[in-house]
Amino acid sequence: GFFDVLNDLLKPYVVMLGLNPKAAAVTAVYLLQPSAALIICSNMLAMGEITPVQALPAILLGSSFFTLFHDCPKNIMPYYLSVYPKNLSLKLLIVKIVVPSVFYMASAILLCML
């Protein structure tokens, strides 16, 4: 279905990072619906398709991408721009969005190297 196609599209990129191709499905679903990704991840863990060491980087990457591409433009940025002055809101956005996302991505890449 749809997730198989999405998994096939992301597979070359996640393999390049060292992520398990099956875990790519978790990252892809997390971009659309975080709670569904966690359910899929738990089912994959229960069935032995992925290990916890493979699941954690997938969840961290998905969380990072979700925050950058979905949550920030839809929820966080409009709020900060409406409450704070422009210069301050941009600084707060960097602290709120960019710093954790970079940390999550770096953590995921480091975990893939283990």
PDB file of N, CA and C in Angstrom:
ATOM      1  N   GLY A   1       0.795  -1.171   0.000  1.00  0.00           N
ATOM      2  CA  GLY A   1       0.000   0.000   0.000  1.00  0.00           C
ATOM      3  C   GLY A   1       0.854   1.258   0.000  1.00  0.00           C
ATOM      4  N   PHE A   2       0.275   2.289   0.536  1.00  0.00           N
ATOM      5  CA  PHE A   2       0.905   3.612   0.555  1.00  0.00           C
ATOM      6  C   PHE A   2       2.225   3.601   1.310  1.00  0.00           C
ATOM      7  N   PHE A   3       2.255   2.919   2.456  1.00  0.00           N
ATOM      8  CA  PHE A   3       3.468   2.926   3.265  1.00  0.00           C
ATOM      9  C   PHE A   3       4.594   2.128   2.614  1.00  0.00           C
ATOM     10  N   ASP A   4       4.240   1.134   1.817  1.00  0.00           N
ATOM     11  CA  ASP A   4       5.272   0.406   1.077  1.00  0.00           C
ATOM     12  C   ASP A   4       5.931   1.321   0.045  1.00  0.00           C
ATOM     13  N   VAL A   5       5.121   2.113  -0.641  1.00  0.00           N
ATOM     14  CA  VAL A   5       5.659   3.064  -1.621  1.00  0.00           C
ATOM     15  C   VAL A   5       6.527   4.103  -0.920  1.00  0.00           C
ATOM     16  N   LEU A   6       6.035   4.635   0.194  1.00  0.00           N
ATOM     17  CA  LEU A   6       6.796   5.621   0.956  1.00  0.00           C
ATOM     18  C   LEU A   6       8.090   5.021   1.486  1.00  0.00           C
ATOM     19  N   ASN A   7       8.019   3.793   1.942  1.00  0.00           N
ATOM     20  CA  ASN A   7       9.211   3.095   2.433  1.00  0.00           C
ATOM     21  C   ASN A   7      10.230   2.917   1.308  1.00  0.00           C
ATOM     22  N   ASP A   8       9.757   2.558   0.111  1.00  0.00           N
ATOM     23  CA  ASP A   8      10.661   2.388  -1.030  1.00  0.00           C
ATOM     24  C   ASP A   8      11.319   3.703  -1.433  1.00  0.00           C
ATOM     25  N   LEU A   9      10.583   4.806  -1.315  1.00  0.00           N
ATOM     26  CA  LEU A   9      11.159   6.115  -1.643  1.00  0.00           C
ATOM     27  C   LEU A   9      12.236   6.531  -0.649  1.00  0.00           C
ATOM     28  N   LEU A  10      12.016   6.252   0.622  1.00  0.00           N
ATOM     29  CA  LEU A  10      12.959   6.673   1.657  1.00  0.00           C
ATOM     30  C   LEU A  10      14.111   5.703   1.872  1.00  0.00           C
ATOM     31  N   LYS A  11      13.964   4.489   1.398  1.00  0.00           N
ATOM     32  CA  LYS A  11      14.947   3.437   1.675  1.00  0.00           C
ATOM     33  C   LYS A  11      16.381   3.832   1.328  1.00  0.00           C
ATOM     34  N   PRO A  12      16.668   4.383   0.141  1.00  0.00           N
ATOM     35  CA  PRO A  12      18.066   4.718  -0.169  1.00  0.00           C
ATOM     36  C   PRO A  12      18.664   5.748   0.790  1.00  0.00           C
ATOM     37  N   TYR A  13      17.843   6.668   1.245  1.00  0.00           N
ATOM     38  CA  TYR A  13      18.351   7.727   2.125  1.00  0.00           C
ATOM     39  C   TYR A  13      18.611   7.222   3.536  1.00  0.00           C
ATOM     40  N   VAL A  14      17.724   6.404   4.034  1.00  0.00           N
ATOM     41  CA  VAL A  14      17.913   5.914   5.402  1.00  0.00           C
ATOM     42  C   VAL A  14      19.016   4.867   5.479  1.00  0.00           C
ATOM     43  N   VAL A  15      19.193   4.100   4.420  1.00  0.00           N
ATOM     44  CA  VAL A  15      20.289   3.134   4.393  1.00  0.00           C
ATOM     45  C   VAL A  15      21.621   3.877   4.379  1.00  0.00           C
ATOM     46  N   MET A  16      21.652   5.009   3.683  1.00  0.00           N
ATOM     47  CA  MET A  16      22.861   5.826   3.647  1.00  0.00           C
ATOM     48  C   MET A  16      23.233   6.308   5.056  1.00  0.00           C
ATOM     49  N   LEU A  17      22.235   6.559   5.896  1.00  0.00           N
ATOM     50  CA  LEU A  17      22.480   6.965   7.282  1.00  0.00           C
ATOM     51  C   LEU A  17      22.818   5.781   8.182  1.00  0.00           C
ATOM     52  N   GLY A  18      22.586   4.581   7.698  1.00  0.00           N
ATOM     53  CA  GLY A  18      22.853   3.397   8.501  1.00  0.00           C
ATOM     54  C   GLY A  18      21.620   2.863   9.205  1.00  0.00           C
ATOM     55  N   LEU A  19      20.458   3.388   8.856  1.00  0.00           N
ATOM     56  CA  LEU A  19      19.207   2.966   9.478  1.00  0.00           C
ATOM     57  C   LEU A  19      18.673   1.719   8.777  1.00  0.00           C
ATOM     58  N   ASN A  20      18.061   0.849   9.545  1.00  0.00           N
ATOM     59  CA  ASN A  20      17.441  -0.357   9.003  1.00  0.00           C
ATOM     60  C   ASN A  20      16.336   0.052   8.028  1.00  0.00           C
ATOM     61  N   PRO A  21      16.286  -0.551   6.823  1.00  0.00           N
ATOM     62  CA  PRO A  21      15.236  -0.189   5.861  1.00  0.00           C
ATOM     63  C   PRO A  21      13.817  -0.376   6.401  1.00  0.00           C
ATOM     64  N   LYS A  22      13.596  -1.385   7.253  1.00  0.00           N
ATOM     65  CA  LYS A  22      12.258  -1.568   7.829  1.00  0.00           C
ATOM     66  C   LYS A  22      11.931  -0.443   8.804  1.00  0.00           C
ATOM     67  N   ALA A  23      12.956   0.084   9.457  1.00  0.00           N
ATOM     68  CA  ALA A  23      12.737   1.197  10.378  1.00  0.00           C
ATOM     69  C   ALA A  23      12.403   2.478   9.625  1.00  0.00           C
ATOM     70  N   ALA A  24      12.703   2.513   8.336  1.00  0.00           N
ATOM     71  CA  ALA A  24      12.360   3.684   7.525  1.00  0.00           C
ATOM     72  C   ALA A  24      10.854   3.904   7.494  1.00  0.00           C
ATOM     73  N   ALA A  25      10.101   2.829   7.569  1.00  0.00           N
ATOM     74  CA  ALA A  25       8.641   2.956   7.592  1.00  0.00           C
ATOM     75  C   ALA A  25       8.193   3.722   8.827  1.00  0.00           C
ATOM     76  N   VAL A  26       8.851   3.480   9.950  1.00  0.00           N
ATOM     77  CA  VAL A  26       8.508   4.193  11.188  1.00  0.00           C
ATOM     78  C   VAL A  26       8.780   5.683  11.014  1.00  0.00           C
ATOM     79  N   THR A  27       9.937   6.022  10.446  1.00  0.00           N
ATOM     80  CA  THR A  27      10.275   7.430  10.219  1.00  0.00           C
ATOM     81  C   THR A  27       9.281   8.074   9.262  1.00  0.00           C
ATOM     82  N   ALA A  28       8.929   7.367   8.195  1.00  0.00           N
ATOM     83  CA  ALA A  28       8.001   7.912   7.204  1.00  0.00           C
ATOM     84  C   ALA A  28       6.622   8.159   7.803  1.00  0.00           C
ATOM     85  N   VAL A  29       6.139   7.218   8.576  1.00  0.00           N
ATOM     86  CA  VAL A  29       4.817   7.375   9.185  1.00  0.00           C
ATOM     87  C   VAL A  29       4.844   8.485  10.229  1.00  0.00           C
ATOM     88  N   TYR A  30       5.962   8.623  10.943  1.00  0.00           N
ATOM     89  CA  TYR A  30       6.075   9.661  11.968  1.00  0.00           C
ATOM     90  C   TYR A  30       5.900  11.047  11.359  1.00  0.00           C
ATOM     91  N   LEU A  31       6.326  11.226  10.113  1.00  0.00           N
ATOM     92  CA  LEU A  31       6.145  12.513   9.442  1.00  0.00           C
ATOM     93  C   LEU A  31       4.670  12.864   9.282  1.00  0.00           C
ATOM     94  N   LEU A  32       3.837  11.848   9.130  1.00  0.00           N
ATOM     95  CA  LEU A  32       2.411  12.072   8.922  1.00  0.00           C
ATOM     96  C   LEU A  32       1.614  12.031  10.217  1.00  0.00           C
ATOM     97  N   GLN A  33       1.895  11.044  11.058  1.00  0.00           N
ATOM     98  CA  GLN A  33       1.131  10.858  12.293  1.00  0.00           C
ATOM     99  C   GLN A  33       2.007  10.185  13.346  1.00  0.00           C
ATOM    100  N   PRO A  34       2.545  10.951  14.303  1.00  0.00           N
ATOM    101  CA  PRO A  34       3.459  10.382  15.301  1.00  0.00           C
ATOM    102  C   PRO A  34       2.877   9.223  16.104  1.00  0.00           C
ATOM    103  N   SER A  35       1.638   9.322  16.519  1.00  0.00           N
ATOM    104  CA  SER A  35       1.070   8.243  17.335  1.00  0.00           C
ATOM    105  C   SER A  35       0.947   6.947  16.536  1.00  0.00           C
ATOM    106  N   ALA A  36       0.607   7.050  15.262  1.00  0.00           N
ATOM    107  CA  ALA A  36       0.532   5.851  14.419  1.00  0.00           C
ATOM    108  C   ALA A  36       1.911   5.229  14.235  1.00  0.00           C
ATOM    109  N   ALA A  37       2.932   6.066  14.131  1.00  0.00           N
ATOM    110  CA  ALA A  37       4.299   5.553  13.979  1.00  0.00           C
ATOM    111  C   ALA A  37       4.731   4.769  15.210  1.00  0.00           C
ATOM    112  N   LEU A  38       4.345   5.246  16.376  1.00  0.00           N
ATOM    113  CA  LEU A  38       4.712   4.536  17.601  1.00  0.00           C
ATOM    114  C   LEU A  38       3.993   3.193  17.700  1.00  0.00           C
ATOM    115  N   ILE A  39       2.758   3.141  17.226  1.00  0.00           N
ATOM    116  CA  ILE A  39       2.018   1.875  17.211  1.00  0.00           C
ATOM    117  C   ILE A  39       2.667   0.900  16.233  1.00  0.00           C
ATOM    118  N   ILE A  40       3.009   1.387  15.048  1.00  0.00           N
ATOM    119  CA  ILE A  40       3.682   0.534  14.060  1.00  0.00           C
ATOM    120  C   ILE A  40       5.016   0.043  14.603  1.00  0.00           C
ATOM    121  N   CYS A  41       5.749   0.947  15.242  1.00  0.00           N
ATOM    122  CA  CYS A  41       7.049   0.592  15.805  1.00  0.00           C
ATOM    123  C   CYS A  41       6.905  -0.482  16.884  1.00  0.00           C
ATOM    124  N   SER A  42       5.909  -0.332  17.740  1.00  0.00           N
ATOM    125  CA  SER A  42       5.723  -1.332  18.799  1.00  0.00           C
ATOM    126  C   SER A  42       5.346  -2.689  18.216  1.00  0.00           C
ATOM    127  N   ASN A  43       4.541  -2.693  17.157  1.00  0.00           N
ATOM    128  CA  ASN A  43       4.194  -3.958  16.503  1.00  0.00           C
ATOM    129  C   ASN A  43       5.418  -4.599  15.848  1.00  0.00           C
ATOM    130  N   MET A  44       6.249  -3.778  15.215  1.00  0.00           N
ATOM    131  CA  MET A  44       7.464  -4.302  14.588  1.00  0.00           C
ATOM    132  C   MET A  44       8.423  -4.852  15.644  1.00  0.00           C
ATOM    133  N   LEU A  45       8.490  -4.188  16.781  1.00  0.00           N
ATOM    134  CA  LEU A  45       9.332  -4.678  17.875  1.00  0.00           C
ATOM    135  C   LEU A  45       8.798  -6.002  18.417  1.00  0.00           C
ATOM    136  N   ALA A  46       7.485  -6.085  18.589  1.00  0.00           N
ATOM    137  CA  ALA A  46       6.873  -7.304  19.122  1.00  0.00           C
ATOM    138  C   ALA A  46       7.054  -8.493  18.179  1.00  0.00           C
ATOM    139  N   MET A  47       7.029  -8.222  16.875  1.00  0.00           N
ATOM    140  CA  MET A  47       7.185  -9.296  15.894  1.00  0.00           C
ATOM    141  C   MET A  47       8.654  -9.613  15.611  1.00  0.00           C
ATOM    142  N   GLY A  48       9.556  -8.820  16.161  1.00  0.00           N
ATOM    143  CA  GLY A  48      10.981  -9.065  15.961  1.00  0.00           C
ATOM    144  C   GLY A  48      11.522  -8.579  14.632  1.00  0.00           C
ATOM    145  N   GLU A  49      10.761  -7.733  13.936  1.00  0.00           N
ATOM    146  CA  GLU A  49      11.224  -7.210  12.650  1.00  0.00           C
ATOM    147  C   GLU A  49      12.353  -6.203  12.821  1.00  0.00           C
ATOM    148  N   ILE A  50      12.317  -5.444  13.911  1.00  0.00           N
ATOM    149  CA  ILE A  50      13.389  -4.506  14.227  1.00  0.00           C
ATOM    150  C   ILE A  50      13.732  -4.654  15.704  1.00  0.00           C
ATOM    151  N   THR A  51      14.919  -4.219  16.048  1.00  0.00           N
ATOM    152  CA  THR A  51      15.361  -4.261  17.443  1.00  0.00           C
ATOM    153  C   THR A  51      15.179  -2.877  18.059  1.00  0.00           C
ATOM    154  N   PRO A  52      15.218  -2.763  19.374  1.00  0.00           N
ATOM    155  CA  PRO A  52      15.121  -1.439  19.999  1.00  0.00           C
ATOM    156  C   PRO A  52      16.223  -0.483  19.538  1.00  0.00           C
ATOM    157  N   VAL A  53      17.403  -1.016  19.276  1.00  0.00           N
ATOM    158  CA  VAL A  53      18.514  -0.172  18.806  1.00  0.00           C
ATOM    159  C   VAL A  53      18.228   0.364  17.405  1.00  0.00           C
ATOM    160  N   GLN A  54      17.463  -0.356  16.609  1.00  0.00           N
ATOM    161  CA  GLN A  54      17.078   0.115  15.282  1.00  0.00           C
ATOM    162  C   GLN A  54      15.857   1.025  15.345  1.00  0.00           C
ATOM    163  N   ALA A  55      14.997   0.805  16.328  1.00  0.00           N
ATOM    164  CA  ALA A  55      13.767   1.592  16.439  1.00  0.00           C
ATOM    165  C   ALA A  55      14.029   3.002  16.953  1.00  0.00           C
ATOM    166  N   LEU A  56      14.924   3.134  17.908  1.00  0.00           N
ATOM    167  CA  LEU A  56      15.161   4.443  18.519  1.00  0.00           C
ATOM    168  C   LEU A  56      15.645   5.493  17.521  1.00  0.00           C
ATOM    169  N   PRO A  57      16.633   5.202  16.660  1.00  0.00           N
ATOM    170  CA  PRO A  57      17.018   6.222  15.674  1.00  0.00           C
ATOM    171  C   PRO A  57      15.880   6.582  14.724  1.00  0.00           C
ATOM    172  N   ALA A  58      15.053   5.609  14.365  1.00  0.00           N
ATOM    173  CA  ALA A  58      13.921   5.889  13.475  1.00  0.00           C
ATOM    174  C   ALA A  58      12.942   6.851  14.133  1.00  0.00           C
ATOM    175  N   ILE A  59      12.693   6.650  15.415  1.00  0.00           N
ATOM    176  CA  ILE A  59      11.778   7.530  16.142  1.00  0.00           C
ATOM    177  C   ILE A  59      12.385   8.925  16.310  1.00  0.00           C
ATOM    178  N   LEU A  60      13.676   8.982  16.616  1.00  0.00           N
ATOM    179  CA  LEU A  60      14.336  10.281  16.771  1.00  0.00           C
ATOM    180  C   LEU A  60      14.332  11.075  15.466  1.00  0.00           C
ATOM    181  N   LEU A  61      14.635  10.410  14.355  1.00  0.00           N
ATOM    182  CA  LEU A  61      14.600  11.097  13.059  1.00  0.00           C
ATOM    183  C   LEU A  61      13.188  11.549  12.713  1.00  0.00           C
ATOM    184  N   GLY A  62      12.222  10.675  12.938  1.00  0.00           N
ATOM    185  CA  GLY A  62      10.835  11.044  12.662  1.00  0.00           C
ATOM    186  C   GLY A  62      10.384  12.223  13.490  1.00  0.00           C
ATOM    187  N   SER A  63      10.757  12.231  14.752  1.00  0.00           N
ATOM    188  CA  SER A  63      10.400  13.347  15.628  1.00  0.00           C
ATOM    189  C   SER A  63      11.038  14.644  15.162  1.00  0.00           C
ATOM    190  N   SER A  64      12.285  14.558  14.763  1.00  0.00           N
ATOM    191  CA  SER A  64      12.991  15.742  14.283  1.00  0.00           C
ATOM    192  C   SER A  64      12.342  16.299  13.020  1.00  0.00           C
ATOM    193  N   PHE A  65      12.071  15.422  12.052  1.00  0.00           N
ATOM    194  CA  PHE A  65      11.449  15.865  10.808  1.00  0.00           C
ATOM    195  C   PHE A  65      10.034  16.384  11.036  1.00  0.00           C
ATOM    196  N   PHE A  66       9.285  15.722  11.901  1.00  0.00           N
ATOM    197  CA  PHE A  66       7.920  16.162  12.191  1.00  0.00           C
ATOM    198  C   PHE A  66       7.927  17.568  12.780  1.00  0.00           C
ATOM    199  N   THR A  67       8.827  17.815  13.709  1.00  0.00           N
ATOM    200  CA  THR A  67       8.907  19.134  14.337  1.00  0.00           C
ATOM    201  C   THR A  67       9.298  20.196  13.317  1.00  0.00           C
ATOM    202  N   LEU A  68      10.296  19.898  12.494  1.00  0.00           N
ATOM    203  CA  LEU A  68      10.766  20.881  11.515  1.00  0.00           C
ATOM    204  C   LEU A  68       9.742  21.174  10.425  1.00  0.00           C
ATOM    205  N   PHE A  69       9.125  20.139   9.881  1.00  0.00           N
ATOM    206  CA  PHE A  69       8.292  20.314   8.695  1.00  0.00           C
ATOM    207  C   PHE A  69       6.795  20.403   8.960  1.00  0.00           C
ATOM    208  N   HIS A  70       6.339  20.000  10.119  1.00  0.00           N
ATOM    209  CA  HIS A  70       4.904  20.020  10.383  1.00  0.00           C
ATOM    210  C   HIS A  70       4.551  20.919  11.561  1.00  0.00           C
ATOM    211  N   ASP A  71       5.122  20.634  12.693  1.00  0.00           N
ATOM    212  CA  ASP A  71       4.744  21.337  13.918  1.00  0.00           C
ATOM    213  C   ASP A  71       5.191  22.797  13.922  1.00  0.00           C
ATOM    214  N   CYS A  72       6.391  23.051  13.460  1.00  0.00           N
ATOM    215  CA  CYS A  72       6.906  24.426  13.477  1.00  0.00           C
ATOM    216  C   CYS A  72       6.083  25.362  12.592  1.00  0.00           C
ATOM    217  N   PRO A  73       5.921  25.064  11.298  1.00  0.00           N
ATOM    218  CA  PRO A  73       5.174  26.006  10.465  1.00  0.00           C
ATOM    219  C   PRO A  73       3.688  26.104  10.809  1.00  0.00           C
ATOM    220  N   LYS A  74       3.118  25.025  11.320  1.00  0.00           N
ATOM    221  CA  LYS A  74       1.679  25.015  11.570  1.00  0.00           C
ATOM    222  C   LYS A  74       1.303  25.588  12.933  1.00  0.00           C
ATOM    223  N   ASN A  75       2.087  25.281  13.968  1.00  0.00           N
ATOM    224  CA  ASN A  75       1.692  25.648  15.325  1.00  0.00           C
ATOM    225  C   ASN A  75       2.638  26.621  16.018  1.00  0.00           C
ATOM    226  N   ILE A  76       3.906  26.287  16.042  1.00  0.00           N
ATOM    227  CA  ILE A  76       4.844  27.029  16.876  1.00  0.00           C
ATOM    228  C   ILE A  76       5.185  28.391  16.286  1.00  0.00           C
ATOM    229  N   MET A  77       5.517  28.441  14.999  1.00  0.00           N
ATOM    230  CA  MET A  77       5.911  29.707  14.385  1.00  0.00           C
ATOM    231  C   MET A  77       4.804  30.765  14.445  1.00  0.00           C
ATOM    232  N   PRO A  78       3.572  30.457  14.067  1.00  0.00           N
ATOM    233  CA  PRO A  78       2.529  31.487  14.150  1.00  0.00           C
ATOM    234  C   PRO A  78       2.317  32.005  15.574  1.00  0.00           C
ATOM    235  N   TYR A  79       2.408  31.108  16.552  1.00  0.00           N
ATOM    236  CA  TYR A  79       2.235  31.534  17.939  1.00  0.00           C
ATOM    237  C   TYR A  79       3.336  32.500  18.349  1.00  0.00           C
ATOM    238  N   TYR A  80       4.579  32.123  18.115  1.00  0.00           N
ATOM    239  CA  TYR A  80       5.695  32.976  18.521  1.00  0.00           C
ATOM    240  C   TYR A  80       5.668  34.321  17.800  1.00  0.00           C
ATOM    241  N   LEU A  81       5.334  34.311  16.512  1.00  0.00           N
ATOM    242  CA  LEU A  81       5.296  35.566  15.763  1.00  0.00           C
ATOM    243  C   LEU A  81       4.152  36.470  16.213  1.00  0.00           C
ATOM    244  N   SER A  82       3.096  35.889  16.737  1.00  0.00           N
ATOM    245  CA  SER A  82       1.970  36.714  17.185  1.00  0.00           C
ATOM    246  C   SER A  82       2.160  37.258  18.597  1.00  0.00           C
ATOM    247  N   VAL A  83       3.002  36.618  19.398  1.00  0.00           N
ATOM    248  CA  VAL A  83       3.159  37.017  20.793  1.00  0.00           C
ATOM    249  C   VAL A  83       4.386  37.892  21.014  1.00  0.00           C
ATOM    250  N   TYR A  84       5.497  37.564  20.345  1.00  0.00           N
ATOM    251  CA  TYR A  84       6.761  38.244  20.605  1.00  0.00           C
ATOM    252  C   TYR A  84       7.158  39.131  19.431  1.00  0.00           C
ATOM    253  N   PRO A  85       8.037  40.116  19.686  1.00  0.00           N
ATOM    254  CA  PRO A  85       8.578  40.899  18.569  1.00  0.00           C
ATOM    255  C   PRO A  85       9.321  39.987  17.582  1.00  0.00           C
ATOM    256  N   LYS A  86       9.394  40.427  16.332  1.00  0.00           N
ATOM    257  CA  LYS A  86       9.927  39.591  15.260  1.00  0.00           C
ATOM    258  C   LYS A  86      11.329  39.042  15.563  1.00  0.00           C
ATOM    259  N   ASN A  87      12.251  39.896  15.977  1.00  0.00           N
ATOM    260  CA  ASN A  87      13.625  39.442  16.235  1.00  0.00           C
ATOM    261  C   ASN A  87      13.673  38.428  17.375  1.00  0.00           C
ATOM    262  N   LEU A  88      12.932  38.695  18.435  1.00  0.00           N
ATOM    263  CA  LEU A  88      12.917  37.783  19.570  1.00  0.00           C
ATOM    264  C   LEU A  88      12.245  36.462  19.205  1.00  0.00           C
ATOM    265  N   SER A  89      11.175  36.528  18.426  1.00  0.00           N
ATOM    266  CA  SER A  89      10.472  35.297  18.057  1.00  0.00           C
ATOM    267  C   SER A  89      11.355  34.389  17.205  1.00  0.00           C
ATOM    268  N   LEU A  90      12.164  34.961  16.330  1.00  0.00           N
ATOM    269  CA  LEU A  90      13.060  34.139  15.519  1.00  0.00           C
ATOM    270  C   LEU A  90      14.129  33.472  16.383  1.00  0.00           C
ATOM    271  N   LYS A  91      14.636  34.190  17.369  1.00  0.00           N
ATOM    272  CA  LYS A  91      15.618  33.597  18.289  1.00  0.00           C
ATOM    273  C   LYS A  91      14.977  32.482  19.113  1.00  0.00           C
ATOM    274  N   LEU A  92      13.768  32.708  19.566  1.00  0.00           N
ATOM    275  CA  LEU A  92      13.069  31.679  20.337  1.00  0.00           C
ATOM    276  C   LEU A  92      12.763  30.444  19.486  1.00  0.00           C
ATOM    277  N   LEU A  93      12.427  30.671  18.211  1.00  0.00           N
ATOM    278  CA  LEU A  93      12.186  29.542  17.310  1.00  0.00           C
ATOM    279  C   LEU A  93      13.441  28.693  17.141  1.00  0.00           C
ATOM    280  N   ILE A  94      14.574  29.345  17.033  1.00  0.00           N
ATOM    281  CA  ILE A  94      15.830  28.600  16.899  1.00  0.00           C
ATOM    282  C   ILE A  94      16.054  27.735  18.128  1.00  0.00           C
ATOM    283  N   VAL A  95      15.820  28.321  19.299  1.00  0.00           N
ATOM    284  CA  VAL A  95      16.019  27.562  20.537  1.00  0.00           C
ATOM    285  C   VAL A  95      14.986  26.444  20.658  1.00  0.00           C
ATOM    286  N   LYS A  96      13.750  26.721  20.301  1.00  0.00           N
ATOM    287  CA  LYS A  96      12.659  25.759  20.477  1.00  0.00           C
ATOM    288  C   LYS A  96      12.656  24.647  19.424  1.00  0.00           C
ATOM    289  N   ILE A  97      13.045  24.960  18.198  1.00  0.00           N
ATOM    290  CA  ILE A  97      12.904  24.014  17.096  1.00  0.00           C
ATOM    291  C   ILE A  97      14.245  23.474  16.602  1.00  0.00           C
ATOM    292  N   VAL A  98      15.139  24.359  16.235  1.00  0.00           N
ATOM    293  CA  VAL A  98      16.365  23.929  15.558  1.00  0.00           C
ATOM    294  C   VAL A  98      17.287  23.151  16.487  1.00  0.00           C
ATOM    295  N   VAL A  99      17.501  23.653  17.689  1.00  0.00           N
ATOM    296  CA  VAL A  99      18.433  22.986  18.608  1.00  0.00           C
ATOM    297  C   VAL A  99      17.988  21.555  18.928  1.00  0.00           C
ATOM    298  N   PRO A 100      16.739  21.324  19.352  1.00  0.00           N
ATOM    299  CA  PRO A 100      16.338  19.927  19.608  1.00  0.00           C
ATOM    300  C   PRO A 100      16.362  19.051  18.353  1.00  0.00           C
ATOM    301  N   SER A 101      15.979  19.611  17.207  1.00  0.00           N
ATOM    302  CA  SER A 101      15.969  18.815  15.979  1.00  0.00           C
ATOM    303  C   SER A 101      17.374  18.375  15.591  1.00  0.00           C
ATOM    304  N   VAL A 102      18.328  19.284  15.703  1.00  0.00           N
ATOM    305  CA  VAL A 102      19.714  18.926  15.397  1.00  0.00           C
ATOM    306  C   VAL A 102      20.214  17.880  16.392  1.00  0.00           C
ATOM    307  N   PHE A 103      19.857  18.038  17.653  1.00  0.00           N
ATOM    308  CA  PHE A 103      20.261  17.060  18.664  1.00  0.00           C
ATOM    309  C   PHE A 103      19.667  15.684  18.367  1.00  0.00           C
ATOM    310  N   TYR A 104      18.378  15.634  18.009  1.00  0.00           N
ATOM    311  CA  TYR A 104      17.733  14.356  17.688  1.00  0.00           C
ATOM    312  C   TYR A 104      18.388  13.701  16.469  1.00  0.00           C
ATOM    313  N   MET A 105      18.660  14.505  15.430  1.00  0.00           N
ATOM    314  CA  MET A 105      19.289  13.951  14.233  1.00  0.00           C
ATOM    315  C   MET A 105      20.684  13.415  14.544  1.00  0.00           C
ATOM    316  N   ALA A 106      21.460  14.184  15.299  1.00  0.00           N
ATOM    317  CA  ALA A 106      22.811  13.740  15.660  1.00  0.00           C
ATOM    318  C   ALA A 106      22.755  12.472  16.509  1.00  0.00           C
ATOM    319  N   SER A 107      21.812  12.413  17.428  1.00  0.00           N
ATOM    320  CA  SER A 107      21.664  11.214  18.264  1.00  0.00           C
ATOM    321  C   SER A 107      21.292  10.003  17.419  1.00  0.00           C
ATOM    322  N   ALA A 108      20.391  10.202  16.468  1.00  0.00           N
ATOM    323  CA  ALA A 108      19.976   9.099  15.600  1.00  0.00           C
ATOM    324  C   ALA A 108      21.146   8.594  14.766  1.00  0.00           C
ATOM    325  N   ILE A 109      21.929   9.513  14.226  1.00  0.00           N
ATOM    326  CA  ILE A 109      23.079   9.112  13.407  1.00  0.00           C
ATOM    327  C   ILE A 109      24.110   8.376  14.257  1.00  0.00           C
ATOM    328  N   LEU A 110      24.351   8.871  15.464  1.00  0.00           N
ATOM    329  CA  LEU A 110      25.298   8.187  16.351  1.00  0.00           C
ATOM    330  C   LEU A 110      24.808   6.792  16.728  1.00  0.00           C
ATOM    331  N   LEU A 111      23.516   6.658  16.982  1.00  0.00           N
ATOM    332  CA  LEU A 111      22.962   5.342  17.312  1.00  0.00           C
ATOM    333  C   LEU A 111      23.051   4.378  16.132  1.00  0.00           C
ATOM    334  N   CYS A 112      22.936   4.908  14.924  1.00  0.00           N
ATOM    335  CA  CYS A 112      23.054   4.051  13.738  1.00  0.00           C
ATOM    336  C   CYS A 112      24.471   3.518  13.576  1.00  0.00           C
ATOM    337  N   MET A 113      25.441   4.255  14.098  1.00  0.00           N
ATOM    338  CA  MET A 113      26.839   3.831  13.972  1.00  0.00           C
ATOM    339  C   MET A 113      27.205   2.730  14.956  1.00  0.00           C
ATOM    340  N   LEU A 114      26.376   2.518  15.990  1.00  0.00           N
ATOM    341  CA  LEU A 114      26.685   1.486  16.987  1.00  0.00           C
ATOM    342  C   LEU A 114      26.519   0.094  16.451  1.00  0.00           C
TER     343      LEU A 114
END
